[in-house]
Each structure stands twice: as structure tokens, then as C-alpha cells.
Amino acid sequence: MRMDFVIHLVAKIVVPLFFIGMAGSAVVIVVSFAEDLKELLGDEE
């Protein structure tokens, strides 16, 4: 019974951290994509 409570507590902490990490990774991908696109378009001029 006690272990079940601990598992639920850990799950409630880990799940939001996972989604925050996913959102952070998405932001990094978008920023790096925008920088690469700007660099590629700048070289063509």
C-alpha cells in the first residue's frame, strides 16, 4: 500500500517534467530551424 502511494507521487511529479522537457525541446528546434533558415536565405542573396 505504501509503495503504491510512492509510485503515484513520483508519477505526478515526473509527468509534468516530461511535458515541460518536450515543450523546451520543441522551442529549441523551432529557434534553431529559424536560425538555419535565416542563414540559408541570407547566403542566396
Protein backbone atom coordinates (compact mmCIF):
# COMPACT_ATOMS: atom_id res chain seq x y z
CA MET A 1 0.00 0.00 0.00
CA ARG A 2 2.79 2.43 0.88
CA MET A 3 4.74 1.65 -2.30
CA ASP A 4 1.63 2.31 -4.38
CA PHE A 5 1.37 5.81 -2.88
CA VAL A 6 5.06 6.50 -3.63
CA ILE A 7 4.65 5.33 -7.24
CA HIS A 8 1.63 7.63 -7.74
CA LEU A 9 3.51 10.56 -6.18
CA VAL A 10 6.55 10.03 -8.42
CA ALA A 11 4.28 9.72 -11.50
CA LYS A 12 2.55 13.01 -10.64
CA ILE A 13 5.96 14.73 -10.45
CA VAL A 14 7.60 13.08 -13.47
CA VAL A 15 4.75 13.54 -15.97
CA PRO A 16 4.72 17.38 -15.86
CA LEU A 17 8.52 17.42 -16.02
CA PHE A 18 8.33 15.21 -19.13
CA PHE A 19 5.90 17.59 -20.84
CA ILE A 20 7.98 20.64 -19.82
CA GLY A 21 11.01 18.92 -21.34
CA MET A 22 9.10 18.19 -24.54
CA ALA A 23 7.97 21.83 -24.78
CA GLY A 24 11.53 23.04 -24.17
CA SER A 25 12.86 20.73 -26.89
CA ALA A 26 10.19 21.99 -29.30
CA VAL A 27 11.23 25.61 -28.60
CA VAL A 28 14.90 24.76 -29.25
CA ILE A 29 14.00 23.01 -32.52
CA VAL A 30 11.90 25.97 -33.72
CA VAL A 31 14.61 28.52 -32.81
CA SER A 32 17.42 26.52 -34.45
CA PHE A 33 15.25 25.94 -37.55
CA ALA A 34 14.55 29.68 -37.81
CA GLU A 35 18.27 30.48 -37.44
CA ASP A 36 19.22 27.92 -40.11
CA LEU A 37 16.53 29.19 -42.45
CA LYS A 38 17.71 32.79 -41.97
CA GLU A 39 21.30 31.71 -42.69
CA LEU A 40 20.30 29.77 -45.82
CA LEU A 41 18.19 32.64 -47.17
CA GLY A 42 20.97 35.13 -46.37
CA ASP A 43 23.57 33.15 -48.35
CA GLU A 44 21.45 33.17 -51.51
CA GLU A 45 21.34 36.95 -51.76
